[in-house]
Amino acid sequence: MTEPPSAPFVRAGPEGVVVSVRVLPGARRPGIVGVHGGAIRVRVSAPPEGGRANRELERLLAATLALRPSAGRVVGGTAARDKRLLVLGLDAAEVSERLLAGARPPGVSDDPRPDG
């Protein structure tokens, strides 16, 4: 039986699953807001200072994936909005399914800005 395909923002790596993430810091309400340009878009309330946004991103995705907080860590783009997160303990299809299930429906936004 073949494994179902995963989303384009998820790929299996030798150490675990790598997720491409576009982080939107300083949000009023954190959460996954969809997929854009080959990355999952995630809002975090923490500012991008001193690694605070990275730590919140790791906690938020671990909670969405129903994993312990240490099961996900930023491995690329630590000082950029575009990041790579390594996830341990799940296969690529399961990561993709859980992240998409945790995303808000299209058009639902808590941010009044047009690109929100």
Protein backbone atom coordinates (compact mmCIF):
# COMPACT_ATOMS: atom_id res chain seq x y z
CA MET A 1 0.00 0.00 0.00
CA THR A 2 1.44 3.38 -0.93
CA GLU A 3 1.64 6.26 1.48
CA PRO A 4 -0.63 9.23 0.64
CA PRO A 5 1.20 12.25 -0.75
CA SER A 6 2.13 15.02 1.65
CA ALA A 7 1.69 18.75 1.13
CA PRO A 8 4.42 20.68 -0.74
CA PHE A 9 5.56 22.37 2.48
CA VAL A 10 6.48 19.00 4.07
CA ARG A 11 9.30 16.66 3.08
CA ALA A 12 10.87 13.62 4.66
CA GLY A 13 14.51 14.02 5.64
CA PRO A 14 17.11 11.65 7.08
CA GLU A 15 16.55 12.91 10.64
CA GLY A 16 12.79 13.49 10.49
CA VAL A 17 10.21 15.56 8.65
CA VAL A 18 11.18 19.07 7.50
CA VAL A 19 8.40 21.66 7.35
CA SER A 20 8.75 24.94 5.43
CA VAL A 21 7.16 27.74 7.45
CA ARG A 22 6.49 31.43 6.79
CA VAL A 23 6.23 33.12 10.22
CA LEU A 24 4.14 36.24 10.78
CA PRO A 25 5.30 37.64 14.16
CA GLY A 26 3.44 40.09 16.38
CA ALA A 27 -0.03 38.69 15.70
CA ARG A 28 -2.91 39.24 18.10
CA ARG A 29 -3.92 35.58 17.86
CA PRO A 30 -1.39 32.90 17.02
CA GLY A 31 -2.21 29.99 14.74
CA ILE A 32 -1.81 28.37 11.37
CA VAL A 33 -3.49 30.53 8.75
CA GLY A 34 -2.95 28.55 5.57
CA VAL A 35 -0.45 27.71 2.87
CA HIS A 36 1.25 30.18 0.55
CA GLY A 37 4.19 29.82 -1.80
CA GLY A 38 5.22 26.33 -0.73
CA ALA A 39 5.20 27.10 2.99
CA ILE A 40 2.66 26.91 5.75
CA ARG A 41 1.86 30.37 7.16
CA VAL A 42 1.90 30.62 10.94
CA ARG A 43 1.11 33.64 13.08
CA VAL A 44 2.87 34.01 16.42
CA SER A 45 2.23 36.70 19.00
CA ALA A 46 5.87 36.95 20.10
CA PRO A 47 8.09 39.58 18.50
CA PRO A 48 11.04 38.43 16.38
CA GLU A 49 13.56 39.32 19.09
CA GLY A 50 15.92 37.07 20.99
CA GLY A 51 14.47 33.88 19.51
CA ARG A 52 11.08 34.43 21.16
CA ALA A 53 9.11 33.97 17.92
CA ASN A 54 11.06 30.77 17.15
CA ARG A 55 10.28 29.30 20.57
CA GLU A 56 6.59 30.16 20.23
CA LEU A 57 6.55 28.64 16.72
CA GLU A 58 8.06 25.40 18.05
CA ARG A 59 5.50 25.20 20.88
CA LEU A 60 2.55 26.05 18.62
CA LEU A 61 3.41 23.48 15.95
CA ALA A 62 4.16 20.79 18.56
CA ALA A 63 0.73 21.41 20.11
CA THR A 64 -0.97 21.33 16.68
CA LEU A 65 0.82 18.07 15.86
CA ALA A 66 -0.04 16.60 19.30
CA LEU A 67 3.64 16.06 20.07
CA ARG A 68 5.82 16.95 23.04
CA PRO A 69 7.38 20.45 22.72
CA SER A 70 10.87 19.06 22.15
CA ALA A 71 9.72 17.10 19.06
CA GLY A 72 10.04 20.14 16.79
CA ARG A 73 12.87 22.62 16.39
CA VAL A 74 13.84 25.37 13.99
CA VAL A 75 16.79 24.14 11.91
CA GLY A 76 16.97 26.83 9.25
CA GLY A 77 16.10 30.50 8.94
CA THR A 78 16.38 31.29 12.64
CA ALA A 79 16.65 35.03 11.92
CA ALA A 80 14.25 35.10 8.94
CA ARG A 81 10.51 34.84 8.38
CA ASP A 82 10.99 31.81 6.15
CA LYS A 83 12.07 28.89 8.34
CA ARG A 84 12.57 25.15 8.27
CA LEU A 85 11.33 23.17 11.23
CA LEU A 86 12.44 19.59 11.92
CA VAL A 87 9.69 17.38 13.35
CA LEU A 88 10.45 14.05 15.04
CA GLY A 89 8.02 11.22 15.71
CA LEU A 90 5.65 11.41 12.72
CA ASP A 91 5.87 10.64 9.01
CA ALA A 92 5.47 13.36 6.35
CA ALA A 93 1.86 12.44 5.49
CA GLU A 94 0.78 12.61 9.14
CA VAL A 95 2.53 15.97 9.68
CA SER A 96 0.85 17.36 6.56
CA GLU A 97 -2.58 16.08 7.58
CA ARG A 98 -2.36 17.44 11.14
CA LEU A 99 -1.04 20.85 10.09
CA LEU A 100 -3.72 21.31 7.44
CA ALA A 101 -6.39 20.23 9.93
CA GLY A 102 -5.09 22.88 12.35
CA ALA A 103 -5.29 25.69 9.78
CA ARG A 104 -8.08 28.25 9.83
CA PRO A 105 -10.52 28.02 6.92
CA PRO A 106 -9.78 30.33 3.95
CA GLY A 107 -11.08 33.84 4.46
CA VAL A 108 -11.15 33.60 8.25
CA SER A 109 -8.85 36.18 9.77
CA ASP A 110 -8.49 37.98 13.05
CA ASP A 111 -6.31 40.65 11.47
CA PRO A 112 -7.91 43.63 9.70
CA ARG A 113 -4.86 44.16 7.45
CA PRO A 114 -5.50 43.09 3.83
CA ASP A 115 -2.56 40.63 3.69
CA GLY A 116 -3.12 39.73 7.34
